[in-house]
Amino acid sequence: MEKNTFKPADRLASVQEYYFSRKLKEVARLNAEGKDIISLAIGSPDMPPSEHTIDVLCQEARKANAHGYQPTIGIPELRKAMADFYKRWYGVELDPASEVQPLIGSKEGILHATLAFVNPGDTVLVPNPGYPTYTSLSKLLGAEVVNYDLTEEGGWQPDFEQLEAMDLSRVKLMWTNYPHMPTGARARRETYERLVAFAKKHGIVIVNDNPYSFILNEGEFLSILQIPGAKECCIEFNSLSKSHNMPGWRVAMLCSNAQFIQWILKVKTNVENGTFRAIQLAAADALTNTTEEWHHEANVRTYGSRRAIAEEIMEALGCTFDPDQTGMFLWGRIPDSYENVEDLTERVLHEARVFITPGFIFGSNGNRYIRISLCAKDELMREALARIREQFKV
C-alpha cells in the first residue's frame, strides 16, 4: 500500500487553531477530572433574548411553509427592522432595500468583505490589540496584515501620525472596532471623524465592527455612519449576539452604500443561502420590540453588577484597569512582578480553577494584560473571586 501523501493547503500554515478552541479542550479535561473550572474567558452572553422574541421563533418554526431556502439578501421584514434599528438608536438613515445586508454572524461578514475588496497580496490594516479573526481570515485569504498600534497611553485609539507614516499604497481595508474589544475603550466621535477623513484621503475602506455599543451604555449610541460622508467609504457591522443575547442564533448586519453591499452580496450569494426564516422573523422582532426597560435590565443593570465583581477580581490579582472602559469584558494590566501574562493566567486556572484570558491572543500590545468576561452570573463570579482571594491571599 502506498504511503499516504495527502497534505493540507499551504494557507493553513499561516494560521493556528483558535486559542479558545485549543484552551477549552484543556478546560474540558480539567472538568472531567472534577476540577470544576469557572470560565470568565469567553464573551458568550448567558442570558436569553426576550420571551416575545423566543415566542415568535417558535410560532414561525411551526408553520409548514417556513422551512425552505431563503433569499441570501434576507427577507424584507428583517432588512426593514435593521434599518429602523439604526434610525431609532443611532439616528442613521439606511435604505432597507439597498444599504443593509443581514449576515450569518459578523465572522461571515469579515470573510465576505475581505473577499469583496482585497486581492491576494493586498494589505489590510488590523488593530493591535484586536479581534484575532481580523488577522486570521485576512491571512487565509492571502492578504498581507499590517498592524497599527493601540496603546493604553493613547486611550486605545488609532495614532493617525503613525498611520500617515506608513506605506499605504497597497492598503484596501482598515479594521476598527469601537467600543473596542478587548480593551473596552469607548467609541469617540472625533476618532470616527478622523477615520472617515483618512479613508477618503487614501482610498481605504474602513470597516467598523460595532457589536458592543449597548453594553453598559445608557448614553449616546455612536456609529461611524453618523459622520457625514461615512457611508461613501465605510462599512459597519452590528450584531444581535451581544445586545440582544442571541450569539447562537448567528444574526448580524452589514450597513454601507448600495455599491459596497452589491459587491459583498456577489460573494455571499456564491457561498451560502439565507438564514432560516423563523430566525429572521424573530430577529426582526428583537430589533423592533426591544424596549428601553429591557435594554436597561439586560445590558446595563446585569452587566453593571457583574462588572463590580470583576473589578474586585482585578484588584485581588494586583492588576490595574481603567474604570471608564465599557463592553462585556474588563481589561487590566498585570503586575510587573510577572515575567509574562501566562505566568498569571495559568496560575489562576490551575490553582484557583478560574479560566481568564491572556491578552497576548489579541496581539503583542496585549502581552501585559488580562481580560475578564462578564458573561457569568453574579454567584459564579463571586465564587471565582473567593477562589482567587484564597489562592492569592488578598
Protein backbone atom coordinates (compact mmCIF):
# COMPACT_ATOMS: atom_id res chain seq x y z
CA MET A 1 0.00 0.00 0.00
CA GLU A 2 1.35 3.41 -0.91
CA LYS A 3 2.22 5.77 1.88
CA ASN A 4 -0.38 8.48 2.49
CA THR A 5 0.89 11.68 0.86
CA PHE A 6 -2.13 13.87 1.48
CA LYS A 7 -1.26 17.42 2.55
CA PRO A 8 -3.37 20.39 3.61
CA ALA A 9 -3.45 23.61 1.62
CA ASP A 10 -0.44 25.87 2.16
CA ARG A 11 -2.70 28.58 3.60
CA LEU A 12 -3.21 26.57 6.78
CA ALA A 13 0.41 27.22 7.69
CA SER A 14 -0.43 30.91 8.10
CA VAL A 15 -2.85 30.36 11.00
CA GLN A 16 -3.21 28.34 14.17
CA GLU A 17 -6.24 26.74 15.74
CA TYR A 18 -8.23 29.45 17.51
CA TYR A 19 -6.91 29.94 21.06
CA PHE A 20 -10.25 29.29 22.73
CA SER A 21 -10.79 26.14 20.68
CA ARG A 22 -7.49 24.78 21.99
CA LYS A 23 -7.82 26.00 25.55
CA LEU A 24 -11.40 24.81 26.02
CA LYS A 25 -10.19 21.25 25.38
CA GLU A 26 -7.87 21.64 28.37
CA VAL A 27 -10.67 23.13 30.46
CA ALA A 28 -12.92 20.19 29.49
CA ARG A 29 -10.21 17.75 30.58
CA LEU A 30 -9.82 19.55 33.93
CA ASN A 31 -13.57 19.47 34.46
CA ALA A 32 -13.62 15.74 33.67
CA GLU A 33 -11.07 15.35 36.47
CA GLY A 34 -13.52 17.07 38.81
CA LYS A 35 -11.77 20.46 38.94
CA ASP A 36 -14.98 22.49 38.35
CA ILE A 37 -13.41 25.32 36.36
CA ILE A 38 -15.26 28.65 36.32
CA SER A 39 -14.92 30.25 32.90
CA LEU A 40 -14.58 34.02 32.78
CA ALA A 41 -12.94 33.91 29.39
CA ILE A 42 -15.41 33.91 26.51
CA GLY A 43 -17.89 36.66 25.63
CA SER A 44 -20.95 34.50 25.11
CA PRO A 45 -23.98 36.07 26.83
CA ASP A 46 -25.54 33.64 29.30
CA MET A 47 -28.95 35.34 29.35
CA PRO A 48 -31.80 34.61 26.91
CA PRO A 49 -33.42 37.01 24.45
CA SER A 50 -36.79 38.47 25.33
CA GLU A 51 -39.62 35.96 25.79
CA HIS A 52 -41.55 37.59 22.96
CA THR A 53 -38.67 37.01 20.55
CA ILE A 54 -38.49 33.34 21.54
CA ASP A 55 -42.27 33.03 21.08
CA VAL A 56 -42.00 34.45 17.54
CA LEU A 57 -39.29 31.90 16.72
CA CYS A 58 -41.43 29.01 17.95
CA GLN A 59 -44.60 30.20 16.24
CA GLU A 60 -42.89 30.72 12.90
CA ALA A 61 -40.99 27.43 13.08
CA ARG A 62 -44.28 25.52 13.38
CA LYS A 63 -45.55 26.84 10.04
CA ALA A 64 -45.41 24.25 7.27
CA ASN A 65 -44.09 26.70 4.68
CA ALA A 66 -41.28 28.13 6.84
CA HIS A 67 -38.56 25.57 6.14
CA GLY A 68 -37.47 26.21 2.58
CA TYR A 69 -34.44 28.04 1.25
CA GLN A 70 -34.42 31.74 1.97
CA PRO A 71 -33.09 34.61 -0.16
CA THR A 72 -29.44 35.40 0.51
CA ILE A 73 -30.27 39.11 0.74
CA GLY A 74 -32.54 38.41 3.72
CA ILE A 75 -36.28 38.74 3.97
CA PRO A 76 -37.77 42.27 3.67
CA GLU A 77 -39.05 42.20 7.25
CA LEU A 78 -35.56 41.74 8.66
CA ARG A 79 -33.93 44.31 6.40
CA LYS A 80 -36.54 46.88 7.38
CA ALA A 81 -36.12 46.06 11.06
CA MET A 82 -32.36 46.55 10.76
CA ALA A 83 -32.76 49.90 9.02
CA ASP A 84 -35.31 51.01 11.61
CA PHE A 85 -32.94 49.90 14.39
CA TYR A 86 -30.22 52.17 13.02
CA LYS A 87 -32.64 55.06 12.74
CA ARG A 88 -34.05 54.59 16.22
CA TRP A 89 -30.84 54.10 18.21
CA TYR A 90 -28.15 55.80 16.10
CA GLY A 91 -30.13 58.36 14.09
CA VAL A 92 -28.70 56.92 10.84
CA GLU A 93 -30.89 56.70 7.74
CA LEU A 94 -30.45 53.49 5.71
CA ASP A 95 -32.38 52.23 2.70
CA PRO A 96 -33.54 48.74 3.75
CA ALA A 97 -33.62 47.60 0.12
CA SER A 98 -30.03 48.51 -0.74
CA GLU A 99 -27.95 49.67 2.26
CA VAL A 100 -28.47 46.84 4.76
CA GLN A 101 -27.32 43.23 4.43
CA PRO A 102 -28.17 40.56 7.03
CA LEU A 103 -25.28 38.27 7.92
CA ILE A 104 -24.97 34.83 9.47
CA GLY A 105 -22.83 36.38 12.19
CA SER A 106 -20.14 39.03 11.92
CA LYS A 107 -17.39 36.46 11.28
CA GLU A 108 -19.10 35.73 7.99
CA GLY A 109 -19.08 39.44 7.23
CA ILE A 110 -15.34 39.66 7.86
CA LEU A 111 -14.81 36.86 5.34
CA HIS A 112 -17.12 38.29 2.70
CA ALA A 113 -15.92 41.89 2.99
CA THR A 114 -12.32 40.74 2.62
CA LEU A 115 -13.17 38.61 -0.42
CA ALA A 116 -15.05 41.52 -1.98
CA PHE A 117 -12.32 44.16 -1.58
CA VAL A 118 -8.93 42.52 -1.12
CA ASN A 119 -6.83 40.72 -3.71
CA PRO A 120 -4.09 38.28 -2.65
CA GLY A 121 -1.04 40.38 -1.81
CA ASP A 122 -3.03 43.49 -0.93
CA THR A 123 -2.59 44.97 2.54
CA VAL A 124 -5.09 45.08 5.38
CA LEU A 125 -4.68 47.28 8.48
CA VAL A 126 -5.55 45.46 11.70
CA PRO A 127 -5.52 46.91 15.24
CA ASN A 128 -3.04 45.60 17.81
CA PRO A 129 -4.60 44.57 20.14
CA GLY A 130 -7.72 43.49 18.27
CA TYR A 131 -10.12 40.68 17.46
CA PRO A 132 -7.97 37.75 16.22
CA THR A 133 -10.32 36.90 13.35
CA TYR A 134 -9.40 40.12 11.51
CA THR A 135 -5.88 38.72 11.24
CA SER A 136 -6.56 35.03 10.70
CA LEU A 137 -9.13 35.41 7.92
CA SER A 138 -7.01 38.01 6.15
CA LYS A 139 -4.06 35.61 6.18
CA LEU A 140 -6.16 32.69 4.98
CA LEU A 141 -7.25 34.79 2.02
CA GLY A 142 -3.70 35.76 1.08
CA ALA A 143 -3.73 39.35 2.30
CA GLU A 144 -0.75 40.96 4.00
CA VAL A 145 -1.65 42.00 7.53
CA VAL A 146 -0.09 45.21 8.82
CA ASN A 147 -0.81 46.09 12.43
CA TYR A 148 -1.42 49.59 13.68
CA ASP A 149 -0.79 50.21 17.37
CA LEU A 150 -3.38 50.90 20.01
CA THR A 151 -1.88 51.72 23.40
CA GLU A 152 -3.08 52.47 26.89
CA GLU A 153 -1.27 55.81 26.75
CA GLY A 154 -3.21 56.69 23.59
CA GLY A 155 -6.57 55.68 25.04
CA TRP A 156 -6.58 52.63 22.71
CA GLN A 157 -7.42 54.98 19.82
CA PRO A 158 -5.61 54.96 16.43
CA ASP A 159 -2.42 57.01 16.20
CA PHE A 160 -3.02 58.92 12.98
CA GLU A 161 0.56 60.19 12.80
CA GLN A 162 1.72 56.57 12.80
CA LEU A 163 -0.86 55.69 10.16
CA GLU A 164 0.15 58.55 7.89
CA ALA A 165 3.80 57.49 8.12
CA MET A 166 3.01 54.01 6.79
CA ASP A 167 3.24 52.84 3.19
CA LEU A 168 -0.48 52.87 2.37
CA SER A 169 -0.15 52.22 -1.36
CA ARG A 170 -1.49 48.65 -1.20
CA VAL A 171 -3.91 49.04 1.71
CA LYS A 172 -7.50 48.17 0.78
CA LEU A 173 -9.23 47.70 4.15
CA MET A 174 -8.76 49.03 7.66
CA TRP A 175 -10.45 47.19 10.52
CA THR A 176 -11.68 49.19 13.50
CA ASN A 177 -13.82 48.14 16.45
CA TYR A 178 -15.46 50.56 18.89
CA PRO A 179 -16.41 50.19 21.66
CA HIS A 180 -13.14 48.31 21.49
CA MET A 181 -12.64 44.65 22.22
CA PRO A 182 -10.64 43.61 24.21
CA THR A 183 -9.73 46.92 25.92
CA GLY A 184 -13.20 48.38 26.48
CA ALA A 185 -12.17 51.76 25.03
CA ARG A 186 -15.26 53.78 24.22
CA ALA A 187 -16.19 55.00 20.77
CA ARG A 188 -15.30 58.64 20.18
CA ARG A 189 -16.91 60.84 17.58
CA GLU A 190 -13.56 62.54 16.98
CA THR A 191 -11.97 59.17 16.16
CA TYR A 192 -14.76 58.39 13.71
CA GLU A 193 -14.36 61.80 12.05
CA ARG A 194 -10.63 61.28 11.62
CA LEU A 195 -11.15 57.76 10.29
CA VAL A 196 -13.57 58.99 7.62
CA ALA A 197 -11.14 61.72 6.56
CA PHE A 198 -8.29 59.17 6.49
CA ALA A 199 -10.37 56.78 4.36
CA LYS A 200 -11.23 59.45 1.81
CA LYS A 201 -7.69 60.78 1.61
CA HIS A 202 -6.13 57.38 0.93
CA GLY A 203 -8.92 55.45 -0.80
CA ILE A 204 -9.15 52.91 2.02
CA VAL A 205 -12.39 51.23 3.09
CA ILE A 206 -12.91 51.47 6.86
CA VAL A 207 -14.78 48.51 8.35
CA ASN A 208 -16.03 49.32 11.84
CA ASP A 209 -17.21 46.42 13.98
CA ASN A 210 -19.80 47.77 16.43
CA PRO A 211 -21.43 44.98 18.48
CA TYR A 212 -20.75 46.39 21.97
CA SER A 213 -22.33 49.84 21.89
CA PHE A 214 -25.31 48.78 24.03
CA ILE A 215 -23.42 47.06 26.84
CA LEU A 216 -23.13 49.23 29.98
CA ASN A 217 -24.34 52.22 27.98
CA GLU A 218 -27.41 54.36 28.56
CA GLY A 219 -25.96 57.45 26.97
CA GLU A 220 -25.15 58.33 23.39
CA PHE A 221 -25.07 55.38 21.00
CA LEU A 222 -22.35 56.01 18.43
CA SER A 223 -21.93 54.68 14.89
CA ILE A 224 -19.30 55.63 12.35
CA LEU A 225 -22.16 56.07 9.87
CA GLN A 226 -23.27 59.16 11.82
CA ILE A 227 -20.31 61.04 10.35
CA PRO A 228 -21.17 62.99 7.16
CA GLY A 229 -19.82 61.17 4.12
CA ALA A 230 -19.03 57.98 6.06
CA LYS A 231 -21.40 55.85 4.04
CA GLU A 232 -19.31 56.56 0.92
CA CYS A 233 -16.17 54.89 2.33
CA CYS A 234 -17.17 52.92 5.41
CA ILE A 235 -18.86 49.66 6.28
CA GLU A 236 -20.26 48.97 9.72
CA PHE A 237 -21.03 45.58 11.23
CA ASN A 238 -23.51 45.21 14.04
CA SER A 239 -24.86 42.14 15.74
CA LEU A 240 -27.66 40.76 17.87
CA SER A 241 -25.23 38.43 19.67
CA LYS A 242 -24.33 40.83 22.48
CA SER A 243 -27.06 43.48 22.57
CA HIS A 244 -29.97 41.00 22.34
CA ASN A 245 -28.42 37.88 23.94
CA MET A 246 -28.52 35.90 20.69
CA PRO A 247 -24.95 34.68 20.00
CA GLY A 248 -26.00 31.19 18.92
CA TRP A 249 -28.65 32.49 16.54
CA ARG A 250 -25.97 33.90 14.22
CA VAL A 251 -27.69 37.12 13.20
CA ALA A 252 -25.71 40.23 12.33
CA MET A 253 -25.88 43.06 9.82
CA LEU A 254 -23.65 44.95 7.44
CA CYS A 255 -24.51 48.57 6.64
CA SER A 256 -22.98 50.71 3.91
CA ASN A 257 -23.66 52.24 0.50
CA ALA A 258 -25.54 50.27 -2.14
CA GLN A 259 -22.45 49.59 -4.30
CA PHE A 260 -20.45 48.10 -1.43
CA ILE A 261 -23.45 45.98 -0.47
CA GLN A 262 -23.76 44.66 -4.02
CA TRP A 263 -20.10 43.70 -4.21
CA ILE A 264 -20.33 41.82 -0.92
CA LEU A 265 -23.61 40.23 -1.95
CA LYS A 266 -21.92 38.91 -5.09
CA VAL A 267 -19.60 36.94 -2.82
CA LYS A 268 -22.31 35.96 -0.37
CA THR A 269 -24.68 34.52 -2.98
CA ASN A 270 -21.94 32.17 -4.15
CA VAL A 271 -21.20 30.92 -0.64
CA GLU A 272 -24.48 30.33 1.19
CA ASN A 273 -28.23 30.77 1.28
CA GLY A 274 -30.25 32.87 3.67
CA THR A 275 -30.90 32.17 7.34
CA PHE A 276 -33.87 30.05 8.48
CA ARG A 277 -36.98 32.18 8.03
CA ALA A 278 -38.17 31.75 11.63
CA ILE A 279 -34.85 33.08 12.93
CA GLN A 280 -35.04 36.07 10.61
CA LEU A 281 -38.56 36.95 11.74
CA ALA A 282 -37.65 36.51 15.40
CA ALA A 283 -34.59 38.69 14.91
CA ALA A 284 -36.78 41.34 13.31
CA ASP A 285 -38.99 41.16 16.39
CA ALA A 286 -35.99 41.55 18.69
CA LEU A 287 -34.78 44.63 16.81
CA THR A 288 -38.23 46.18 16.65
CA ASN A 289 -39.60 45.43 20.10
CA THR A 290 -36.56 45.95 22.33
CA THR A 291 -37.68 48.44 24.94
CA GLU A 292 -35.55 50.83 26.93
CA GLU A 293 -36.60 48.88 30.04
CA TRP A 294 -35.38 45.55 28.59
CA HIS A 295 -32.17 47.17 27.43
CA HIS A 296 -31.51 48.63 30.88
CA GLU A 297 -32.17 45.34 32.66
CA ALA A 298 -30.17 43.09 30.32
CA ASN A 299 -27.38 45.36 29.13
CA VAL A 300 -26.86 47.87 31.93
CA ARG A 301 -28.05 46.62 35.32
CA THR A 302 -27.00 42.98 34.94
CA TYR A 303 -23.59 43.70 33.43
CA GLY A 304 -23.08 46.54 35.88
CA SER A 305 -23.46 44.16 38.82
CA ARG A 306 -21.02 41.69 37.26
CA ARG A 307 -18.59 44.43 36.36
CA ALA A 308 -18.32 45.44 40.03
CA ILE A 309 -17.28 41.88 40.94
CA ALA A 310 -14.82 41.74 38.01
CA GLU A 311 -13.16 44.89 39.34
CA GLU A 312 -12.70 43.14 42.69
CA ILE A 313 -11.13 40.18 40.88
CA MET A 314 -8.71 42.52 39.12
CA GLU A 315 -7.75 44.10 42.44
CA ALA A 316 -7.30 40.66 44.02
CA LEU A 317 -4.85 39.79 41.24
CA GLY A 318 -2.97 43.05 41.70
CA CYS A 319 -3.99 44.29 38.26
CA THR A 320 -4.78 47.87 37.31
CA PHE A 321 -7.60 48.92 34.99
CA ASP A 322 -9.36 51.93 33.51
CA PRO A 323 -12.72 52.34 35.32
CA ASP A 324 -14.14 54.21 32.31
CA GLN A 325 -13.98 51.22 29.96
CA THR A 326 -17.20 49.68 28.67
CA GLY A 327 -18.44 46.49 27.00
CA MET A 328 -18.85 42.97 28.35
CA PHE A 329 -15.24 42.48 29.44
CA LEU A 330 -12.84 44.06 31.90
CA TRP A 331 -9.27 44.64 30.66
CA GLY A 332 -6.47 45.01 33.14
CA ARG A 333 -2.69 45.35 33.29
CA ILE A 334 -0.81 42.65 35.19
CA PRO A 335 1.70 43.46 37.94
CA ASP A 336 5.32 43.99 36.91
CA SER A 337 6.31 41.06 39.11
CA TYR A 338 5.09 38.61 36.44
CA GLU A 339 7.53 37.93 33.64
CA ASN A 340 4.68 37.17 31.21
CA VAL A 341 0.92 37.10 31.31
CA GLU A 342 0.57 33.31 31.21
CA ASP A 343 2.52 33.06 34.46
CA LEU A 344 -0.56 34.71 35.96
CA THR A 345 -3.39 33.18 33.88
CA GLU A 346 -2.06 29.63 34.21
CA ARG A 347 -1.75 30.03 37.96
CA VAL A 348 -5.32 31.34 38.11
CA LEU A 349 -6.50 28.37 36.04
CA HIS A 350 -4.68 25.58 37.85
CA GLU A 351 -4.64 26.93 41.40
CA ALA A 352 -7.82 28.99 41.64
CA ARG A 353 -9.65 26.96 38.97
CA VAL A 354 -10.79 30.07 37.09
CA PHE A 355 -10.27 30.49 33.35
CA ILE A 356 -9.44 34.06 32.29
CA THR A 357 -7.99 35.27 29.00
CA PRO A 358 -4.36 36.30 28.49
CA GLY A 359 -4.13 39.46 26.43
CA PHE A 360 -1.44 38.21 24.07
CA ILE A 361 -4.05 36.41 21.96
CA PHE A 362 -5.21 39.85 20.78
CA GLY A 363 -1.75 40.97 19.68
CA SER A 364 1.62 41.93 21.10
CA ASN A 365 0.22 45.11 22.68
CA GLY A 366 -1.84 42.83 24.91
CA ASN A 367 1.15 40.97 26.32
CA ARG A 368 0.90 42.61 29.74
CA TYR A 369 -2.89 42.41 30.10
CA ILE A 370 -5.69 40.04 31.02
CA ARG A 371 -9.36 40.07 30.06
CA ILE A 372 -12.24 39.00 32.29
CA SER A 373 -15.60 38.21 30.73
CA LEU A 374 -18.81 39.43 32.35
CA CYS A 375 -20.78 36.54 30.83
CA ALA A 376 -21.26 34.63 34.07
CA LYS A 377 -23.87 35.07 36.74
CA ASP A 378 -23.11 37.00 39.92
CA GLU A 379 -22.87 33.89 42.08
CA LEU A 380 -20.29 32.30 39.78
CA MET A 381 -18.26 35.48 39.65
CA ARG A 382 -18.36 35.76 43.44
CA GLU A 383 -17.17 32.16 43.70
CA ALA A 384 -14.35 32.95 41.26
CA LEU A 385 -13.43 35.96 43.40
CA ALA A 386 -13.41 33.82 46.57
CA ARG A 387 -11.18 31.19 44.95
CA ILE A 388 -8.72 33.81 43.71
CA ARG A 389 -8.60 35.59 47.07
CA GLU A 390 -7.91 32.25 48.77
CA GLN A 391 -5.05 31.36 46.43
CA PHE A 392 -3.60 34.84 46.17
CA LYS A 393 -4.15 35.62 49.86
CA VAL A 394 -5.72 39.04 49.31
